[in-house]
Amino acid sequence: MGVKPEWIGYLQFCAEAGLGQYDLSKIDVRGAKIADVRKEYRLHRDIERELKWMGPMEEVPEKLG
């Protein structure tokens, strides 16, 4: 999809808690190969602002959208 799993907050928090797995090298993929069905999505125009959650929380986040 063109989205790094660590960009998705709940996936990152789950990984840190030991829940689930998003490292493809550790996943047994069955069926079609990922490269054959992969579709890259256009990201939101505010993607840079949306990814600010990953940095240190220094102030109340600005309204997104």
N, C-alpha and C. Protein backbone atom coordinates (compact mmCIF):
# COMPACT_ATOMS: atom_id res chain seq x y z
N MET A 1 0.81 -1.20 0.00
CA MET A 1 0.00 0.00 0.00
C MET A 1 0.85 1.26 0.00
N GLY A 2 2.13 1.12 0.23
CA GLY A 2 2.99 2.30 0.30
C GLY A 2 2.99 2.94 1.67
N VAL A 3 2.45 2.24 2.65
CA VAL A 3 2.37 2.74 4.02
C VAL A 3 3.24 1.84 4.89
N LYS A 4 4.17 2.44 5.59
CA LYS A 4 5.02 1.66 6.48
C LYS A 4 4.21 1.28 7.72
N PRO A 5 4.27 0.03 8.17
CA PRO A 5 3.49 -0.38 9.33
C PRO A 5 3.75 0.46 10.57
N GLU A 6 4.98 0.94 10.73
CA GLU A 6 5.27 1.75 11.92
C GLU A 6 4.60 3.12 11.87
N TRP A 7 4.04 3.50 10.72
CA TRP A 7 3.28 4.75 10.63
C TRP A 7 1.90 4.61 11.25
N ILE A 8 1.41 3.38 11.40
CA ILE A 8 0.07 3.13 11.91
C ILE A 8 0.18 2.98 13.43
N GLY A 9 -0.34 3.96 14.15
CA GLY A 9 -0.17 4.00 15.60
C GLY A 9 -0.55 2.73 16.32
N TYR A 10 -1.76 2.21 16.06
CA TYR A 10 -2.18 1.02 16.82
C TYR A 10 -1.33 -0.20 16.47
N LEU A 11 -0.82 -0.29 15.24
CA LEU A 11 0.07 -1.41 14.90
C LEU A 11 1.39 -1.28 15.65
N GLN A 12 1.91 -0.07 15.74
CA GLN A 12 3.16 0.16 16.46
C GLN A 12 2.99 -0.16 17.94
N PHE A 13 1.89 0.30 18.53
CA PHE A 13 1.66 0.04 19.95
C PHE A 13 1.49 -1.46 20.21
N CYS A 14 0.78 -2.16 19.31
CA CYS A 14 0.61 -3.60 19.45
C CYS A 14 1.95 -4.32 19.33
N ALA A 15 2.77 -3.91 18.38
CA ALA A 15 4.10 -4.53 18.20
C ALA A 15 4.94 -4.36 19.46
N GLU A 16 4.91 -3.17 20.03
CA GLU A 16 5.68 -2.91 21.25
C GLU A 16 5.17 -3.74 22.42
N ALA A 17 3.88 -4.09 22.40
CA ALA A 17 3.29 -4.90 23.47
C ALA A 17 3.42 -6.40 23.19
N GLY A 18 4.01 -6.76 22.04
CA GLY A 18 4.19 -8.15 21.71
C GLY A 18 2.95 -8.81 21.11
N LEU A 19 2.03 -8.01 20.60
CA LEU A 19 0.81 -8.52 20.00
C LEU A 19 0.92 -8.48 18.48
N GLY A 20 0.76 -9.60 17.83
CA GLY A 20 0.78 -9.63 16.38
C GLY A 20 2.18 -9.50 15.80
N GLN A 21 2.21 -9.44 14.47
CA GLN A 21 3.49 -9.38 13.76
C GLN A 21 3.28 -8.68 12.42
N TYR A 22 4.09 -7.68 12.11
CA TYR A 22 4.01 -7.07 10.79
C TYR A 22 5.34 -7.13 10.05
N ASP A 23 6.29 -7.85 10.57
CA ASP A 23 7.57 -8.06 9.89
C ASP A 23 7.37 -9.19 8.88
N LEU A 24 7.34 -8.84 7.58
CA LEU A 24 7.05 -9.83 6.54
C LEU A 24 8.03 -10.99 6.53
N SER A 25 9.24 -10.78 7.01
CA SER A 25 10.21 -11.88 7.03
C SER A 25 9.83 -12.93 8.08
N LYS A 26 8.93 -12.58 8.98
CA LYS A 26 8.49 -13.50 10.04
C LYS A 26 7.08 -14.01 9.82
N ILE A 27 6.51 -13.74 8.64
CA ILE A 27 5.13 -14.14 8.34
C ILE A 27 5.14 -15.14 7.20
N ASP A 28 4.42 -16.24 7.37
CA ASP A 28 4.28 -17.25 6.32
C ASP A 28 3.13 -16.80 5.42
N VAL A 29 3.46 -16.20 4.28
CA VAL A 29 2.44 -15.69 3.35
C VAL A 29 2.00 -16.84 2.45
N ARG A 30 0.69 -17.08 2.43
CA ARG A 30 0.13 -18.16 1.60
C ARG A 30 -0.68 -17.55 0.48
N GLY A 31 -0.77 -18.26 -0.63
CA GLY A 31 -1.54 -17.75 -1.76
C GLY A 31 -0.67 -16.92 -2.68
N ALA A 32 -1.31 -15.92 -3.30
CA ALA A 32 -0.59 -15.07 -4.27
C ALA A 32 0.58 -14.35 -3.60
N LYS A 33 1.62 -14.12 -4.37
CA LYS A 33 2.78 -13.37 -3.86
C LYS A 33 2.38 -11.91 -3.68
N ILE A 34 2.89 -11.32 -2.64
CA ILE A 34 2.55 -9.92 -2.33
C ILE A 34 2.88 -9.01 -3.51
N ALA A 35 4.02 -9.23 -4.14
CA ALA A 35 4.43 -8.39 -5.27
C ALA A 35 3.43 -8.46 -6.42
N ASP A 36 2.73 -9.58 -6.55
CA ASP A 36 1.77 -9.75 -7.64
C ASP A 36 0.43 -9.04 -7.39
N VAL A 37 0.12 -8.79 -6.13
CA VAL A 37 -1.18 -8.18 -5.81
C VAL A 37 -1.04 -6.81 -5.13
N ARG A 38 0.18 -6.36 -4.97
CA ARG A 38 0.45 -5.09 -4.28
C ARG A 38 -0.17 -3.92 -5.04
N LYS A 39 -0.79 -3.03 -4.29
CA LYS A 39 -1.35 -1.80 -4.86
C LYS A 39 -0.92 -0.65 -3.97
N GLU A 40 -0.27 0.34 -4.55
CA GLU A 40 0.17 1.50 -3.77
C GLU A 40 -0.91 2.56 -3.79
N TYR A 41 -1.22 3.06 -2.63
CA TYR A 41 -2.27 4.06 -2.49
C TYR A 41 -1.68 5.47 -2.42
N ARG A 42 -2.45 6.44 -2.84
CA ARG A 42 -2.06 7.83 -2.71
C ARG A 42 -2.33 8.22 -1.26
N LEU A 43 -1.34 8.78 -0.60
CA LEU A 43 -1.47 9.16 0.79
C LEU A 43 -2.17 10.51 0.92
N HIS A 44 -2.75 10.75 2.07
CA HIS A 44 -3.44 12.00 2.36
C HIS A 44 -2.49 13.18 2.18
N ARG A 45 -2.99 14.30 1.74
CA ARG A 45 -2.12 15.46 1.48
C ARG A 45 -1.47 15.99 2.75
N ASP A 46 -2.01 15.66 3.91
CA ASP A 46 -1.45 16.09 5.19
C ASP A 46 -0.63 14.98 5.86
N ILE A 47 -0.09 14.05 5.08
CA ILE A 47 0.59 12.90 5.66
C ILE A 47 1.75 13.32 6.58
N GLU A 48 2.47 14.36 6.22
CA GLU A 48 3.59 14.79 7.08
C GLU A 48 3.08 15.22 8.45
N ARG A 49 1.98 15.95 8.49
CA ARG A 49 1.39 16.37 9.77
C ARG A 49 0.82 15.18 10.52
N GLU A 50 0.21 14.25 9.79
CA GLU A 50 -0.39 13.08 10.44
C GLU A 50 0.67 12.20 11.11
N LEU A 51 1.87 12.19 10.55
CA LEU A 51 2.92 11.35 11.11
C LEU A 51 3.64 11.99 12.29
N LYS A 52 3.26 13.19 12.66
CA LYS A 52 3.90 13.85 13.80
C LYS A 52 3.66 13.11 15.11
N TRP A 53 2.65 12.26 15.18
CA TRP A 53 2.38 11.51 16.40
C TRP A 53 3.59 10.66 16.82
N MET A 54 4.45 10.31 15.85
CA MET A 54 5.57 9.44 16.16
C MET A 54 6.68 10.17 16.90
N GLY A 55 6.70 11.47 16.85
CA GLY A 55 7.72 12.24 17.54
C GLY A 55 7.33 12.47 19.00
N PRO A 56 8.18 13.17 19.73
CA PRO A 56 7.86 13.46 21.13
C PRO A 56 6.64 14.37 21.24
N MET A 57 5.80 14.10 22.22
CA MET A 57 4.59 14.89 22.43
C MET A 57 4.99 16.15 23.21
N GLU A 58 5.16 17.24 22.49
CA GLU A 58 5.61 18.48 23.10
C GLU A 58 4.47 19.46 23.32
N GLU A 59 3.39 19.29 22.57
CA GLU A 59 2.25 20.18 22.70
C GLU A 59 1.01 19.45 22.20
N VAL A 60 -0.15 20.03 22.43
CA VAL A 60 -1.38 19.45 21.93
C VAL A 60 -1.32 19.46 20.40
N PRO A 61 -1.56 18.29 19.76
CA PRO A 61 -1.47 18.26 18.29
C PRO A 61 -2.46 19.20 17.62
N GLU A 62 -2.04 19.75 16.49
CA GLU A 62 -2.92 20.62 15.71
C GLU A 62 -4.02 19.81 15.06
N LYS A 63 -5.08 20.43 14.71
CA LYS A 63 -6.18 19.74 14.04
C LYS A 63 -5.74 19.31 12.65
N LEU A 64 -6.01 18.06 12.31
CA LEU A 64 -5.63 17.51 11.02
C LEU A 64 -6.83 17.50 10.09
N GLY A 65 -6.56 17.48 8.80
CA GLY A 65 -7.66 17.29 7.83
C GLY A 65 -7.92 18.46 6.97
